[in-house]
Protein backbone atom coordinates (compact mmCIF):
# COMPACT_ATOMS: atom_id res chain seq x y z
CA MET A 1 -55.30 105.53 284.48
CA ARG A 2 -56.99 106.12 281.15
CA LEU A 3 -53.88 104.95 279.27
CA TRP A 4 -53.65 101.76 281.31
CA GLY A 5 -57.36 101.14 280.91
CA GLU A 6 -56.96 101.43 277.15
CA ALA A 7 -53.97 99.08 277.31
CA CYS A 8 -56.07 96.47 279.15
CA ALA A 9 -58.86 96.81 276.58
CA ALA A 10 -56.30 96.48 273.76
CA ALA A 11 -54.98 93.25 275.26
CA PHE A 12 -58.48 91.75 275.32
CA GLN A 13 -59.30 92.96 271.81
CA PHE A 14 -56.05 91.57 270.40
CA LEU A 15 -55.92 88.22 272.19
CA THR A 16 -59.59 87.26 272.45
CA ARG A 17 -62.98 87.43 270.80
CA LEU A 18 -64.62 88.63 273.99
CA PRO A 19 -66.74 91.75 273.34
CA VAL A 20 -64.82 94.86 274.44
CA PRO A 21 -66.75 97.74 272.84
CA VAL A 22 -64.04 100.38 273.20
CA LYS A 23 -62.67 102.31 270.24
CA LEU A 24 -58.90 102.56 270.53
CA ASP A 25 -56.19 104.42 268.66
CA TYR A 26 -53.77 101.58 268.07
CA ASN A 27 -50.10 102.54 268.09
CA ASP A 28 -46.78 101.08 269.23
CA ALA A 29 -47.02 102.64 272.70
CA LEU A 30 -50.46 101.11 273.27
CA PHE A 31 -49.24 97.69 272.17
CA ARG A 32 -46.24 97.93 274.50
CA ARG A 33 -48.40 98.82 277.50
CA SER A 34 -50.94 96.13 276.66
CA VAL A 35 -48.52 93.24 277.22
CA VAL A 36 -48.56 93.88 280.97
CA PHE A 37 -52.19 92.69 280.94
CA TYR A 38 -51.58 89.47 279.02
CA PRO A 39 -51.63 87.32 282.20
CA PHE A 40 -54.91 88.96 283.23
CA VAL A 41 -56.40 88.16 279.83
CA GLY A 42 -55.17 84.59 280.22
CA LEU A 43 -56.75 84.32 283.66
CA VAL A 44 -60.13 85.55 282.39
CA LEU A 45 -59.97 82.99 279.58
CA GLY A 46 -58.95 80.34 282.08
CA LEU A 47 -61.79 81.13 284.47
CA ILE A 48 -64.32 81.03 281.64
CA THR A 49 -62.87 77.72 280.48
CA ALA A 50 -62.90 76.25 283.98
CA ALA A 51 -66.50 77.37 284.52
CA ALA A 52 -67.51 75.86 281.19
CA GLY A 53 -65.73 72.63 282.12
CA LEU A 54 -67.55 72.50 285.45
CA LEU A 55 -70.88 72.92 283.68
CA LEU A 56 -70.13 70.42 280.91
CA THR A 57 -68.95 67.69 283.29
CA SER A 58 -72.19 68.01 285.24
CA VAL A 59 -74.28 67.01 282.21
CA LEU A 60 -71.99 65.05 279.86
CA PRO A 61 -69.51 62.15 279.98
CA PRO A 62 -65.79 63.11 279.96
CA LEU A 63 -65.06 62.53 276.27
CA PRO A 64 -67.72 64.81 274.72
CA ALA A 65 -67.32 67.28 277.60
CA ALA A 66 -63.60 67.60 276.84
CA ALA A 67 -64.25 68.00 273.12
CA LEU A 68 -66.81 70.77 273.66
CA LEU A 69 -64.59 72.48 276.22
CA LEU A 70 -61.67 72.47 273.81
CA GLY A 71 -63.92 73.98 271.15
CA ILE A 72 -64.93 76.76 273.54
CA TRP A 73 -61.26 77.32 274.43
CA VAL A 74 -60.37 77.78 270.75
CA LEU A 75 -63.38 79.99 270.00
CA LEU A 76 -62.57 82.36 272.86
CA THR A 77 -59.40 83.39 271.01
CA GLY A 78 -60.77 83.11 267.48
CA ALA A 79 -58.12 80.40 266.88
CA LEU A 80 -55.52 83.20 266.82
CA HIS A 81 -52.76 81.16 268.44
CA LEU A 82 -53.72 77.98 266.62
CA ASP A 83 -53.30 79.84 263.34
CA GLY A 84 -49.83 80.87 264.48
CA LEU A 85 -49.01 77.25 265.28
CA MET A 86 -50.04 76.12 261.80
CA ASP A 87 -48.08 78.87 260.04
CA THR A 88 -45.00 78.18 262.18
CA ALA A 89 -45.16 74.45 261.49
CA ASP A 90 -45.52 75.06 257.75
CA GLY A 91 -42.47 77.30 257.74
CA ILE A 92 -40.06 75.62 260.12
CA LEU A 93 -40.86 72.05 259.08
CA SER A 94 -40.31 72.91 255.42
CA HIS A 95 -36.53 72.79 256.10
CA ARG A 96 -35.92 75.60 253.62
CA SER A 97 -33.75 78.67 253.92
CA ARG A 98 -34.52 81.26 256.59
CA GLU A 99 -35.97 83.66 254.01
CA ARG A 100 -38.13 80.96 252.46
CA MET A 101 -39.40 79.83 255.89
CA LEU A 102 -40.52 83.36 256.70
CA GLU A 103 -42.16 83.66 253.31
CA ILE A 104 -44.08 80.40 253.82
CA MET A 105 -45.23 81.52 257.27
CA LYS A 106 -46.62 84.72 255.80
CA ASP A 107 -48.73 82.80 253.27
CA SER A 108 -52.38 82.72 254.33
CA ARG A 109 -52.79 79.20 252.97
CA VAL A 110 -52.26 76.27 255.35
CA GLY A 111 -50.05 73.38 254.30
CA ALA A 112 -49.87 69.74 255.32
CA MET A 113 -47.42 70.32 258.17
CA GLY A 114 -49.62 73.02 259.64
CA VAL A 115 -52.68 70.78 259.58
CA ILE A 116 -50.77 67.87 261.12
CA ALA A 117 -49.36 70.08 263.90
CA ALA A 118 -52.78 71.53 264.73
CA VAL A 119 -54.45 68.10 264.79
CA LEU A 120 -51.75 66.62 267.02
CA VAL A 121 -51.80 69.51 269.50
CA LEU A 122 -55.60 69.55 269.66
CA LEU A 123 -55.67 65.78 270.09
CA LEU A 124 -53.11 66.03 272.91
CA LYS A 125 -55.10 68.78 274.65
CA TRP A 126 -58.33 66.83 274.28
CA SER A 127 -56.79 63.66 275.72
CA LEU A 128 -55.36 65.60 278.67
CA LEU A 129 -58.71 67.28 279.34
CA THR A 130 -60.44 63.89 279.33
CA GLU A 131 -58.13 62.95 282.21
CA LEU A 132 -58.49 66.22 284.09
CA LEU A 133 -62.23 66.83 283.92
CA PRO A 134 -63.39 63.66 285.76
CA ALA A 135 -60.74 64.18 288.46
CA ALA A 136 -61.72 67.83 288.89
CA ALA A 137 -65.39 66.95 289.11
CA ALA A 138 -64.92 64.09 291.59
CA GLY A 139 -65.02 64.89 295.25
CA GLY A 140 -65.01 68.67 294.90
CA GLN A 141 -61.50 68.90 293.48
CA GLY A 142 -61.58 72.71 293.38
CA ASN A 143 -57.79 72.89 293.24
CA LEU A 144 -57.75 71.33 289.76
CA TRP A 145 -60.33 73.79 288.45
CA LEU A 146 -58.27 76.70 289.77
CA LEU A 147 -55.05 75.30 288.34
CA LEU A 148 -56.74 74.77 284.99
CA ALA A 149 -57.65 78.46 285.02
CA LEU A 150 -53.96 79.34 285.48
CA VAL A 151 -52.80 77.48 282.36
CA PRO A 152 -53.73 80.27 279.89
CA LEU A 153 -52.34 82.86 282.31
CA TRP A 154 -48.80 81.52 282.31
CA SER A 155 -48.71 80.62 278.62
CA ARG A 156 -49.61 84.21 277.74
CA TRP A 157 -47.10 85.61 280.19
CA TYR A 158 -44.36 83.73 278.39
CA MET A 159 -45.33 85.39 275.12
CA VAL A 160 -44.28 88.69 276.73
CA VAL A 161 -40.95 87.15 277.75
CA ALA A 162 -40.39 85.92 274.20
CA ILE A 163 -41.25 89.33 272.75
CA ALA A 164 -38.87 91.07 275.16
CA ARG A 165 -35.96 88.63 275.06
CA TRP A 166 -35.60 87.57 271.41
CA PRO A 167 -35.35 89.84 268.35
CA TYR A 168 -38.11 90.14 265.79
CA ALA A 169 -37.26 88.06 262.73
CA ARG A 170 -38.92 90.16 260.05
CA GLN A 171 -38.00 93.55 258.68
CA ALA A 172 -39.30 96.70 260.33
CA GLY A 173 -42.95 97.39 259.47
CA SER A 174 -43.57 93.79 258.43
CA GLY A 175 -45.98 91.51 260.29
CA MET A 176 -48.18 92.09 263.32
CA GLY A 177 -45.42 91.08 265.70
CA GLY A 178 -43.56 94.21 264.67
CA PHE A 179 -46.02 96.31 266.69
CA PHE A 180 -44.32 95.06 269.84
CA ARG A 181 -40.86 96.44 269.12
CA GLY A 182 -39.70 98.25 272.20
CA VAL A 183 -41.14 95.72 274.65
CA GLY A 184 -38.32 95.10 277.11
CA ALA A 185 -37.34 93.37 280.32
CA GLY A 186 -39.39 95.83 282.37
CA HIS A 187 -42.56 94.86 280.53
CA ALA A 188 -41.81 91.15 281.01
CA ALA A 189 -41.07 91.67 284.72
CA GLY A 190 -44.22 93.74 285.21
CA SER A 191 -46.30 91.17 283.38
CA GLY A 192 -44.74 88.39 285.45
CA LEU A 193 -45.53 90.24 288.69
CA VAL A 194 -49.15 90.63 287.55
CA GLY A 195 -49.27 86.91 286.75
CA LEU A 196 -47.84 85.92 290.13
CA LEU A 197 -50.19 88.17 292.08
CA LEU A 198 -53.19 86.93 290.12
CA SER A 199 -52.18 83.31 290.64
CA LEU A 200 -51.78 83.76 294.39
CA GLY A 201 -55.02 85.72 294.52
CA VAL A 202 -56.93 82.93 292.80
CA VAL A 203 -55.55 80.32 295.20
CA ALA A 204 -56.23 82.56 298.21
CA ALA A 205 -59.80 83.07 297.03
CA GLY A 206 -60.20 79.33 296.58
CA GLU A 207 -59.02 78.72 300.13
CA ALA A 208 -61.24 81.48 301.53
CA PHE A 209 -64.33 79.98 299.93
CA GLY A 210 -63.42 76.43 300.87
CA GLY A 211 -62.80 75.32 297.30
CA LEU A 212 -59.39 73.74 297.88
CA THR A 213 -58.63 70.14 298.74
CA LEU A 214 -54.91 70.88 299.13
CA PRO A 215 -53.17 73.22 301.60
CA PHE A 216 -52.47 76.77 300.42
CA TRP A 217 -48.70 76.33 300.37
CA HIS A 218 -49.04 73.08 298.46
CA MET A 219 -50.93 75.00 295.79
CA VAL A 220 -48.24 77.69 295.78
CA GLY A 221 -45.67 74.96 295.16
CA ILE A 222 -47.68 73.71 292.18
CA ILE A 223 -47.79 77.27 290.82
CA GLY A 224 -44.00 77.27 291.12
CA ILE A 225 -43.86 74.06 289.08
CA LEU A 226 -46.12 75.55 286.41
CA LEU A 227 -43.90 78.64 286.24
CA ALA A 228 -40.72 76.55 286.02
CA VAL A 229 -42.14 74.39 283.22
CA THR A 230 -43.35 77.50 281.39
CA VAL A 231 -39.90 79.10 281.50
CA GLY A 232 -37.99 75.91 280.75
CA ALA A 233 -40.13 74.74 277.82
CA GLY A 234 -40.57 78.29 276.53
CA VAL A 235 -36.86 79.02 276.46
CA LEU A 236 -36.11 75.73 274.69
CA MET A 237 -38.67 76.54 271.99
CA SER A 238 -37.54 80.15 271.67
CA VAL A 239 -33.87 79.21 271.28
CA SER A 240 -34.72 76.53 268.71
CA ILE A 241 -36.91 78.84 266.63
CA HIS A 242 -34.40 81.70 266.88
CA ARG A 243 -31.66 79.47 265.48
CA LYS A 244 -33.82 78.67 262.48
CA LEU A 245 -35.36 82.07 261.77
CA GLY A 246 -32.88 84.50 263.31
CA GLY A 247 -35.58 85.71 265.69
CA LEU A 248 -39.24 85.24 266.50
CA THR A 249 -42.46 86.39 264.81
CA GLY A 250 -46.10 86.87 265.71
CA ASP A 251 -46.82 83.36 264.43
CA THR A 252 -44.17 81.81 266.67
CA TYR A 253 -45.57 83.62 269.72
CA GLY A 254 -48.92 81.97 269.04
CA ALA A 255 -47.30 78.59 268.40
CA MET A 256 -45.44 78.70 271.69
CA ASN A 257 -48.63 79.65 273.52
CA GLU A 258 -50.41 76.58 272.13
CA LEU A 259 -47.53 74.24 272.98
CA LEU A 260 -47.10 75.69 276.46
CA GLU A 261 -50.80 75.24 277.19
CA ALA A 262 -50.44 71.58 276.22
CA ALA A 263 -47.30 71.22 278.36
CA LEU A 264 -48.99 72.78 281.40
CA LEU A 265 -52.06 70.56 281.00
CA LEU A 266 -49.68 67.60 280.96
CA VAL A 267 -48.14 68.83 284.22
CA LEU A 268 -51.61 68.98 285.79
CA VAL A 269 -52.35 65.43 284.66
CA LEU A 270 -49.08 64.22 286.23
CA ILE A 271 -49.82 66.10 289.45
CA LYS A 272 -53.34 64.67 289.54
CA GLY A 273 -51.92 61.19 289.20
């Protein structure tokens, strides 16, 4: 139990800026165990985000509420995944050799392509939130708030799938993504089971407390859609990046998380409509 508790704490310390005052001895085994808790970390971030959105929409119009909510969303992770998106865009969109792309991605400086990618993704997320927040606030649409909380859960689960399924592009001992060598199908399956149980638990809790405006099984169907979109879009991105780099890196995991969050928000907007 102690080892799994440390793994959970490691997941929060690595993926968020939430205060977890536990001193850990970081090693490969701890990193491997920690990925099982990535969906739980995503759910906590999602619940905080949904709660912040509920509060903001009660006092502000949709546009500034969405902007502030997006800022909170980014701050909760210390822009970790956004940084990965910018580095990935700088490398892959440079259209250089594989070695040069990896070298560019390792550079701490941000180039034009990275800035453009970050601005476009943030603008897309903001525009989607401006559509979701008024709908969620109107008429007690508790189902939308709960589904919004599941977006970070499934995007972080896919990072585990990507780590397990595709090889690491850099040499051994190079880059933070190298800490996750040894993560396999069992870790991805365990993480996926955690994500599914948490998702169903959230919906069940919403129904128990009267927070749903849709039937339970309708909500389960929407969770299935979110999962299908996560897998489909994630695999397409992973295959494309693997062809260019010969594998994935820590930066690409973060980039895919950002893009999957945007894709899942888009799904919620389409469902809302």
